[in-house]
Amino acid sequence: MGKAGKMPYVLLGFGMAGALLSSKENREKVLGLVGKVKKKAMDLWGSQEESEWLKKAGRPDPYDFEDAKMVEEGAQYSINYYNKKVQQS
């Protein structure tokens, strides 16, 4: 079904939503439902606070030598891969 085939359904959906939200009582119900869904989603997925490992990803503490070494090796791997590809060309 092409773009032209879907257009009547989209317009019908907008028309129904407009009719539903035309009354103040229905708008309040919808806003209440949206608030409940938002609260449940926040409860399900927790707070938006980043975890500790995500905060320091890619920026190792200079005194955390193991982590700094791991980041350095990861960067070196991509450089070596690129150099091999360039030399093969």
PDB file of N, CA and C in Angstrom:
ATOM      1  N   MET A   1       0.857  -1.171   0.000  1.00  0.00           N
ATOM      2  CA  MET A   1       0.000   0.000   0.000  1.00  0.00           C
ATOM      3  C   MET A   1       0.898   1.227   0.000  1.00  0.00           C
ATOM      4  N   GLY A   2       0.690   2.074  -0.990  1.00  0.00           N
ATOM      5  CA  GLY A   2       1.518   3.257  -1.138  1.00  0.00           C
ATOM      6  C   GLY A   2       1.097   4.386  -0.228  1.00  0.00           C
ATOM      7  N   LYS A   3       1.781   5.503  -0.426  1.00  0.00           N
ATOM      8  CA  LYS A   3       1.506   6.681   0.398  1.00  0.00           C
ATOM      9  C   LYS A   3       0.070   7.172   0.200  1.00  0.00           C
ATOM     10  N   ALA A   4      -0.422   7.146  -1.037  1.00  0.00           N
ATOM     11  CA  ALA A   4      -1.779   7.621  -1.316  1.00  0.00           C
ATOM     12  C   ALA A   4      -2.818   6.697  -0.698  1.00  0.00           C
ATOM     13  N   GLY A   5      -2.512   5.412  -0.576  1.00  0.00           N
ATOM     14  CA  GLY A   5      -3.446   4.460   0.006  1.00  0.00           C
ATOM     15  C   GLY A   5      -3.594   4.617   1.504  1.00  0.00           C
ATOM     16  N   LYS A   6      -2.607   5.158   2.165  1.00  0.00           N
ATOM     17  CA  LYS A   6      -2.640   5.321   3.625  1.00  0.00           C
ATOM     18  C   LYS A   6      -3.244   6.654   4.053  1.00  0.00           C
ATOM     19  N   MET A   7      -3.271   7.608   3.150  1.00  0.00           N
ATOM     20  CA  MET A   7      -3.704   8.959   3.494  1.00  0.00           C
ATOM     21  C   MET A   7      -5.127   9.012   4.054  1.00  0.00           C
ATOM     22  N   PRO A   8      -6.103   8.312   3.478  1.00  0.00           N
ATOM     23  CA  PRO A   8      -7.455   8.385   4.065  1.00  0.00           C
ATOM     24  C   PRO A   8      -7.495   7.889   5.510  1.00  0.00           C
ATOM     25  N   TYR A   9      -6.691   6.869   5.819  1.00  0.00           N
ATOM     26  CA  TYR A   9      -6.668   6.342   7.186  1.00  0.00           C
ATOM     27  C   TYR A   9      -6.042   7.344   8.157  1.00  0.00           C
ATOM     28  N   VAL A  10      -5.005   8.015   7.696  1.00  0.00           N
ATOM     29  CA  VAL A  10      -4.362   9.034   8.532  1.00  0.00           C
ATOM     30  C   VAL A  10      -5.336  10.174   8.801  1.00  0.00           C
ATOM     31  N   LEU A  11      -6.017  10.622   7.761  1.00  0.00           N
ATOM     32  CA  LEU A  11      -6.986  11.708   7.932  1.00  0.00           C
ATOM     33  C   LEU A  11      -8.143  11.280   8.821  1.00  0.00           C
ATOM     34  N   LEU A  12      -8.584  10.038   8.676  1.00  0.00           N
ATOM     35  CA  LEU A  12      -9.646   9.522   9.533  1.00  0.00           C
ATOM     36  C   LEU A  12      -9.191   9.508  10.993  1.00  0.00           C
ATOM     37  N   GLY A  13      -7.944   9.094  11.231  1.00  0.00           N
ATOM     38  CA  GLY A  13      -7.405   9.084  12.594  1.00  0.00           C
ATOM     39  C   GLY A  13      -7.351  10.471  13.196  1.00  0.00           C
ATOM     40  N   PHE A  14      -6.891  11.445  12.407  1.00  0.00           N
ATOM     41  CA  PHE A  14      -6.850  12.823  12.904  1.00  0.00           C
ATOM     42  C   PHE A  14      -8.252  13.344  13.193  1.00  0.00           C
ATOM     43  N   GLY A  15      -9.187  13.016  12.326  1.00  0.00           N
ATOM     44  CA  GLY A  15     -10.564  13.460  12.539  1.00  0.00           C
ATOM     45  C   GLY A  15     -11.156  12.869  13.803  1.00  0.00           C
ATOM     46  N   MET A  16     -10.911  11.576  14.034  1.00  0.00           N
ATOM     47  CA  MET A  16     -11.435  10.925  15.240  1.00  0.00           C
ATOM     48  C   MET A  16     -10.780  11.500  16.492  1.00  0.00           C
ATOM     49  N   ALA A  17      -9.463  11.739  16.416  1.00  0.00           N
ATOM     50  CA  ALA A  17      -8.769  12.319  17.571  1.00  0.00           C
ATOM     51  C   ALA A  17      -9.298  13.720  17.857  1.00  0.00           C
ATOM     52  N   GLY A  18      -9.535  14.494  16.817  1.00  0.00           N
ATOM     53  CA  GLY A  18     -10.081  15.837  17.002  1.00  0.00           C
ATOM     54  C   GLY A  18     -11.466  15.806  17.626  1.00  0.00           C
ATOM     55  N   ALA A  19     -12.282  14.857  17.163  1.00  0.00           N
ATOM     56  CA  ALA A  19     -13.631  14.741  17.728  1.00  0.00           C
ATOM     57  C   ALA A  19     -13.571  14.301  19.184  1.00  0.00           C
ATOM     58  N   LEU A  20     -12.674  13.379  19.482  1.00  0.00           N
ATOM     59  CA  LEU A  20     -12.535  12.884  20.853  1.00  0.00           C
ATOM     60  C   LEU A  20     -12.059  13.994  21.790  1.00  0.00           C
ATOM     61  N   LEU A  21     -11.102  14.777  21.330  1.00  0.00           N
ATOM     62  CA  LEU A  21     -10.505  15.801  22.196  1.00  0.00           C
ATOM     63  C   LEU A  21     -11.261  17.127  22.167  1.00  0.00           C
ATOM     64  N   SER A  22     -12.380  17.175  21.481  1.00  0.00           N
ATOM     65  CA  SER A  22     -13.119  18.437  21.408  1.00  0.00           C
ATOM     66  C   SER A  22     -13.791  18.790  22.733  1.00  0.00           C
ATOM     67  N   SER A  23     -14.103  17.791  23.543  1.00  0.00           N
ATOM     68  CA  SER A  23     -14.743  18.098  24.828  1.00  0.00           C
ATOM     69  C   SER A  23     -13.682  18.185  25.929  1.00  0.00           C
ATOM     70  N   LYS A  24     -13.882  19.097  26.850  1.00  0.00           N
ATOM     71  CA  LYS A  24     -12.918  19.318  27.932  1.00  0.00           C
ATOM     72  C   LYS A  24     -12.797  18.076  28.810  1.00  0.00           C
ATOM     73  N   GLU A  25     -13.904  17.392  29.046  1.00  0.00           N
ATOM     74  CA  GLU A  25     -13.890  16.196  29.890  1.00  0.00           C
ATOM     75  C   GLU A  25     -13.001  15.111  29.274  1.00  0.00           C
ATOM     76  N   ASN A  26     -13.112  14.921  27.965  1.00  0.00           N
ATOM     77  CA  ASN A  26     -12.292  13.912  27.294  1.00  0.00           C
ATOM     78  C   ASN A  26     -10.816  14.300  27.296  1.00  0.00           C
ATOM     79  N   ARG A  27     -10.521  15.588  27.113  1.00  0.00           N
ATOM     80  CA  ARG A  27      -9.123  16.038  27.162  1.00  0.00           C
ATOM     81  C   ARG A  27      -8.519  15.754  28.526  1.00  0.00           C
ATOM     82  N   GLU A  28      -9.283  16.004  29.587  1.00  0.00           N
ATOM     83  CA  GLU A  28      -8.782  15.742  30.939  1.00  0.00           C
ATOM     84  C   GLU A  28      -8.539  14.253  31.152  1.00  0.00           C
ATOM     85  N   LYS A  29      -9.421  13.406  30.611  1.00  0.00           N
ATOM     86  CA  LYS A  29      -9.226  11.959  30.721  1.00  0.00           C
ATOM     87  C   LYS A  29      -7.947  11.527  30.012  1.00  0.00           C
ATOM     88  N   VAL A  30      -7.745  12.064  28.806  1.00  0.00           N
ATOM     89  CA  VAL A  30      -6.556  11.703  28.029  1.00  0.00           C
ATOM     90  C   VAL A  30      -5.299  12.178  28.741  1.00  0.00           C
ATOM     91  N   LEU A  31      -5.314  13.396  29.271  1.00  0.00           N
ATOM     92  CA  LEU A  31      -4.144  13.902  29.992  1.00  0.00           C
ATOM     93  C   LEU A  31      -3.866  13.074  31.243  1.00  0.00           C
ATOM     94  N   GLY A  32      -4.918  12.651  31.929  1.00  0.00           N
ATOM     95  CA  GLY A  32      -4.740  11.784  33.095  1.00  0.00           C
ATOM     96  C   GLY A  32      -4.137  10.449  32.706  1.00  0.00           C
ATOM     97  N   LEU A  33      -4.603   9.885  31.593  1.00  0.00           N
ATOM     98  CA  LEU A  33      -4.071   8.609  31.116  1.00  0.00           C
ATOM     99  C   LEU A  33      -2.603   8.745  30.719  1.00  0.00           C
ATOM    100  N   VAL A  34      -2.276   9.833  30.036  1.00  0.00           N
ATOM    101  CA  VAL A  34      -0.881  10.070  29.641  1.00  0.00           C
ATOM    102  C   VAL A  34       0.001  10.204  30.878  1.00  0.00           C
ATOM    103  N   GLY A  35      -0.480  10.891  31.895  1.00  0.00           N
ATOM    104  CA  GLY A  35       0.285  11.032  33.141  1.00  0.00           C
ATOM    105  C   GLY A  35       0.519   9.694  33.819  1.00  0.00           C
ATOM    106  N   LYS A  36      -0.511   8.834  33.831  1.00  0.00           N
ATOM    107  CA  LYS A  36      -0.360   7.506  34.438  1.00  0.00           C
ATOM    108  C   LYS A  36       0.657   6.663  33.681  1.00  0.00           C
ATOM    109  N   VAL A  37       0.575   6.701  32.348  1.00  0.00           N
ATOM    110  CA  VAL A  37       1.515   5.928  31.529  1.00  0.00           C
ATOM    111  C   VAL A  37       2.939   6.424  31.753  1.00  0.00           C
ATOM    112  N   LYS A  38       3.107   7.737  31.826  1.00  0.00           N
ATOM    113  CA  LYS A  38       4.437   8.311  32.057  1.00  0.00           C
ATOM    114  C   LYS A  38       4.985   7.883  33.415  1.00  0.00           C
ATOM    115  N   LYS A  39       4.142   7.897  34.438  1.00  0.00           N
ATOM    116  CA  LYS A  39       4.575   7.496  35.776  1.00  0.00           C
ATOM    117  C   LYS A  39       4.967   6.023  35.797  1.00  0.00           C
ATOM    118  N   LYS A  40       4.162   5.176  35.145  1.00  0.00           N
ATOM    119  CA  LYS A  40       4.489   3.748  35.107  1.00  0.00           C
ATOM    120  C   LYS A  40       5.790   3.499  34.360  1.00  0.00           C
ATOM    121  N   ALA A  41       6.010   4.243  33.279  1.00  0.00           N
ATOM    122  CA  ALA A  41       7.246   4.083  32.519  1.00  0.00           C
ATOM    123  C   ALA A  41       8.449   4.495  33.358  1.00  0.00           C
ATOM    124  N   MET A  42       8.325   5.590  34.089  1.00  0.00           N
ATOM    125  CA  MET A  42       9.435   6.034  34.934  1.00  0.00           C
ATOM    126  C   MET A  42       9.691   5.041  36.058  1.00  0.00           C
ATOM    127  N   ASP A  43       8.618   4.465  36.622  1.00  0.00           N
ATOM    128  CA  ASP A  43       8.793   3.457  37.665  1.00  0.00           C
ATOM    129  C   ASP A  43       9.455   2.204  37.104  1.00  0.00           C
ATOM    130  N   LEU A  44       9.085   1.846  35.881  1.00  0.00           N
ATOM    131  CA  LEU A  44       9.619   0.635  35.264  1.00  0.00           C
ATOM    132  C   LEU A  44      11.094   0.787  34.927  1.00  0.00           C
ATOM    133  N   TRP A  45      11.451   1.902  34.317  1.00  0.00           N
ATOM    134  CA  TRP A  45      12.825   2.092  33.876  1.00  0.00           C
ATOM    135  C   TRP A  45      13.674   2.860  34.873  1.00  0.00           C
ATOM    136  N   GLY A  46      13.147   3.232  35.986  1.00  0.00           N
ATOM    137  CA  GLY A  46      13.920   3.912  37.020  1.00  0.00           C
ATOM    138  C   GLY A  46      14.212   5.355  36.667  1.00  0.00           C
ATOM    139  N   SER A  47      15.092   5.914  37.430  1.00  0.00           N
ATOM    140  CA  SER A  47      15.434   7.322  37.225  1.00  0.00           C
ATOM    141  C   SER A  47      16.300   7.470  35.979  1.00  0.00           C
ATOM    142  N   GLN A  48      16.453   8.680  35.532  1.00  0.00           N
ATOM    143  CA  GLN A  48      17.227   8.962  34.330  1.00  0.00           C
ATOM    144  C   GLN A  48      18.713   9.169  34.642  1.00  0.00           C
ATOM    145  N   GLU A  49      19.130   8.846  35.852  1.00  0.00           N
ATOM    146  CA  GLU A  49      20.515   9.047  36.255  1.00  0.00           C
ATOM    147  C   GLU A  49      21.415   8.030  35.556  1.00  0.00           C
ATOM    148  N   GLU A  50      22.536   8.495  35.030  1.00  0.00           N
ATOM    149  CA  GLU A  50      23.473   7.614  34.351  1.00  0.00           C
ATOM    150  C   GLU A  50      24.222   6.769  35.367  1.00  0.00           C
ATOM    151  N   SER A  51      24.555   5.563  34.961  1.00  0.00           N
ATOM    152  CA  SER A  51      25.334   4.710  35.843  1.00  0.00           C
ATOM    153  C   SER A  51      26.793   5.176  35.845  1.00  0.00           C
ATOM    154  N   GLU A  52      27.552   4.725  36.819  1.00  0.00           N
ATOM    155  CA  GLU A  52      28.938   5.165  36.984  1.00  0.00           C
ATOM    156  C   GLU A  52      29.800   4.760  35.791  1.00  0.00           C
ATOM    157  N   TRP A  53      29.628   3.537  35.304  1.00  0.00           N
ATOM    158  CA  TRP A  53      30.469   3.090  34.186  1.00  0.00           C
ATOM    159  C   TRP A  53      30.140   3.837  32.908  1.00  0.00           C
ATOM    160  N   LEU A  54      28.894   4.298  32.762  1.00  0.00           N
ATOM    161  CA  LEU A  54      28.523   5.052  31.575  1.00  0.00           C
ATOM    162  C   LEU A  54      29.088   6.468  31.634  1.00  0.00           C
ATOM    163  N   LYS A  55      29.186   7.038  32.828  1.00  0.00           N
ATOM    164  CA  LYS A  55      29.723   8.391  32.974  1.00  0.00           C
ATOM    165  C   LYS A  55      31.193   8.458  32.574  1.00  0.00           C
ATOM    166  N   LYS A  56      31.954   7.401  32.874  1.00  0.00           N
ATOM    167  CA  LYS A  56      33.388   7.467  32.592  1.00  0.00           C
ATOM    168  C   LYS A  56      33.776   6.699  31.339  1.00  0.00           C
ATOM    169  N   ALA A  57      32.815   6.282  30.541  1.00  0.00           N
ATOM    170  CA  ALA A  57      33.101   5.518  29.328  1.00  0.00           C
ATOM    171  C   ALA A  57      33.927   6.356  28.359  1.00  0.00           C
ATOM    172  N   GLY A  58      35.065   5.830  27.951  1.00  0.00           N
ATOM    173  CA  GLY A  58      35.916   6.518  26.993  1.00  0.00           C
ATOM    174  C   GLY A  58      36.792   7.597  27.590  1.00  0.00           C
ATOM    175  N   ARG A  59      36.600   7.939  28.849  1.00  0.00           N
ATOM    176  CA  ARG A  59      37.423   8.951  29.519  1.00  0.00           C
ATOM    177  C   ARG A  59      37.923   8.349  30.829  1.00  0.00           C
ATOM    178  N   PRO A  60      38.943   7.528  30.755  1.00  0.00           N
ATOM    179  CA  PRO A  60      39.390   6.862  31.975  1.00  0.00           C
ATOM    180  C   PRO A  60      40.044   7.830  32.949  1.00  0.00           C
ATOM    181  N   ASP A  61      39.926   7.501  34.202  1.00  0.00           N
ATOM    182  CA  ASP A  61      40.601   8.250  35.254  1.00  0.00           C
ATOM    183  C   ASP A  61      42.105   8.049  35.053  1.00  0.00           C
ATOM    184  N   PRO A  62      42.905   9.111  35.042  1.00  0.00           N
ATOM    185  CA  PRO A  62      44.342   8.949  34.800  1.00  0.00           C
ATOM    186  C   PRO A  62      45.037   8.063  35.837  1.00  0.00           C
ATOM    187  N   TYR A  63      44.431   7.913  37.004  1.00  0.00           N
ATOM    188  CA  TYR A  63      45.051   7.088  38.036  1.00  0.00           C
ATOM    189  C   TYR A  63      44.489   5.674  38.066  1.00  0.00           C
ATOM    190  N   ASP A  64      43.526   5.377  37.201  1.00  0.00           N
ATOM    191  CA  ASP A  64      43.000   4.022  37.064  1.00  0.00           C
ATOM    192  C   ASP A  64      43.740   3.396  35.879  1.00  0.00           C
ATOM    193  N   PHE A  65      44.907   2.831  36.157  1.00  0.00           N
ATOM    194  CA  PHE A  65      45.810   2.386  35.105  1.00  0.00           C
ATOM    195  C   PHE A  65      45.238   1.253  34.260  1.00  0.00           C
ATOM    196  N   GLU A  66      44.510   0.335  34.871  1.00  0.00           N
ATOM    197  CA  GLU A  66      43.931  -0.769  34.104  1.00  0.00           C
ATOM    198  C   GLU A  66      42.911  -0.246  33.092  1.00  0.00           C
ATOM    199  N   ASP A  67      42.084   0.661  33.512  1.00  0.00           N
ATOM    200  CA  ASP A  67      41.068   1.211  32.616  1.00  0.00           C
ATOM    201  C   ASP A  67      41.723   2.036  31.509  1.00  0.00           C
ATOM    202  N   ALA A  68      42.729   2.833  31.855  1.00  0.00           N
ATOM    203  CA  ALA A  68      43.427   3.639  30.859  1.00  0.00           C
ATOM    204  C   ALA A  68      44.111   2.745  29.826  1.00  0.00           C
ATOM    205  N   LYS A  69      44.688   1.647  30.284  1.00  0.00           N
ATOM    206  CA  LYS A  69      45.360   0.714  29.375  1.00  0.00           C
ATOM    207  C   LYS A  69      44.346   0.084  28.416  1.00  0.00           C
ATOM    208  N   MET A  70      43.181  -0.275  28.933  1.00  0.00           N
ATOM    209  CA  MET A  70      42.147  -0.886  28.105  1.00  0.00           C
ATOM    210  C   MET A  70      41.685   0.089  27.015  1.00  0.00           C
ATOM    211  N   VAL A  71      41.488   1.354  27.361  1.00  0.00           N
ATOM    212  CA  VAL A  71      41.066   2.352  26.381  1.00  0.00           C
ATOM    213  C   VAL A  71      42.164   2.564  25.349  1.00  0.00           C
ATOM    214  N   GLU A  72      43.406   2.603  25.790  1.00  0.00           N
ATOM    215  CA  GLU A  72      44.526   2.787  24.874  1.00  0.00           C
ATOM    216  C   GLU A  72      44.617   1.629  23.889  1.00  0.00           C
ATOM    217  N   GLU A  73      44.449   0.396  24.387  1.00  0.00           N
ATOM    218  CA  GLU A  73      44.511  -0.767  23.509  1.00  0.00           C
ATOM    219  C   GLU A  73      43.365  -0.749  22.505  1.00  0.00           C
ATOM    220  N   GLY A  74      42.198  -0.315  22.931  1.00  0.00           N
ATOM    221  CA  GLY A  74      41.064  -0.224  22.014  1.00  0.00           C
ATOM    222  C   GLY A  74      41.320   0.776  20.910  1.00  0.00           C
ATOM    223  N   ALA A  75      41.912   1.907  21.244  1.00  0.00           N
ATOM    224  CA  ALA A  75      42.231   2.916  20.242  1.00  0.00           C
ATOM    225  C   ALA A  75      43.318   2.401  19.305  1.00  0.00           C
ATOM    226  N   GLN A  76      44.285   1.707  19.845  1.00  0.00           N
ATOM    227  CA  GLN A  76      45.378   1.186  19.033  1.00  0.00           C
ATOM    228  C   GLN A  76      44.876   0.135  18.047  1.00  0.00           C
ATOM    229  N   TYR A  77      43.895  -0.664  18.448  1.00  0.00           N
ATOM    230  CA  TYR A  77      43.346  -1.695  17.566  1.00  0.00           C
ATOM    231  C   TYR A  77      42.755  -1.066  16.310  1.00  0.00           C
ATOM    232  N   SER A  78      41.986  -0.004  16.471  1.00  0.00           N
ATOM    233  CA  SER A  78      41.358   0.625  15.303  1.00  0.00           C
ATOM    234  C   SER A  78      42.399   1.276  14.400  1.00  0.00           C
ATOM    235  N   ILE A  79      43.446   1.830  14.982  1.00  0.00           N
ATOM    236  CA  ILE A  79      44.519   2.432  14.179  1.00  0.00           C
ATOM    237  C   ILE A  79      45.239   1.360  13.383  1.00  0.00           C
ATOM    238  N   ASN A  80      45.554   0.235  14.026  1.00  0.00           N
ATOM    239  CA  ASN A  80      46.221  -0.861  13.315  1.00  0.00           C
ATOM    240  C   ASN A  80      45.337  -1.403  12.193  1.00  0.00           C
ATOM    241  N   TYR A  81      44.057  -1.544  12.439  1.00  0.00           N
ATOM    242  CA  TYR A  81      43.124  -2.037  11.426  1.00  0.00           C
ATOM    243  C   TYR A  81      43.110  -1.097  10.222  1.00  0.00           C
ATOM    244  N   TYR A  82      43.034   0.199  10.479  1.00  0.00           N
ATOM    245  CA  TYR A  82      43.025   1.186   9.399  1.00  0.00           C
ATOM    246  C   TYR A  82      44.330   1.130   8.607  1.00  0.00           C
ATOM    247  N   ASN A  83      45.460   1.063   9.299  1.00  0.00           N
ATOM    248  CA  ASN A  83      46.752   1.018   8.616  1.00  0.00           C
ATOM    249  C   ASN A  83      46.864  -0.210   7.720  1.00  0.00           C
ATOM    250  N   LYS A  84      46.385  -1.358   8.181  1.00  0.00           N
ATOM    251  CA  LYS A  84      46.430  -2.573   7.359  1.00  0.00           C
ATOM    252  C   LYS A  84      45.572  -2.414   6.111  1.00  0.00           C
ATOM    253  N   LYS A  85      44.403  -1.819   6.242  1.00  0.00           N
ATOM    254  CA  LYS A  85      43.523  -1.618   5.089  1.00  0.00           C
ATOM    255  C   LYS A  85      44.161  -0.670   4.080  1.00  0.00           C
ATOM    256  N   VAL A  86      44.813   0.385   4.554  1.00  0.00           N
ATOM    257  CA  VAL A  86      45.447   1.350   3.663  1.00  0.00           C
ATOM    258  C   VAL A  86      46.628   0.706   2.951  1.00  0.00           C
ATOM    259  N   GLN A  87      47.403  -0.116   3.660  1.00  0.00           N
ATOM    260  CA  GLN A  87      48.556  -0.766   3.053  1.00  0.00           C
ATOM    261  C   GLN A  87      48.136  -1.800   2.016  1.00  0.00           C
ATOM    262  N   GLN A  88      46.992  -2.436   2.201  1.00  0.00           N
ATOM    263  CA  GLN A  88      46.511  -3.425   1.237  1.00  0.00           C
ATOM    264  C   GLN A  88      46.028  -2.756  -0.044  1.00  0.00           C
ATOM    265  N   SER A  89      45.617  -1.513   0.044  1.00  0.00           N
ATOM    266  CA  SER A  89      45.074  -0.815  -1.139  1.00  0.00           C
ATOM    267  C   SER A  89      46.156  -0.340  -2.061  1.00  0.00           C
TER     268      SER A  89
END
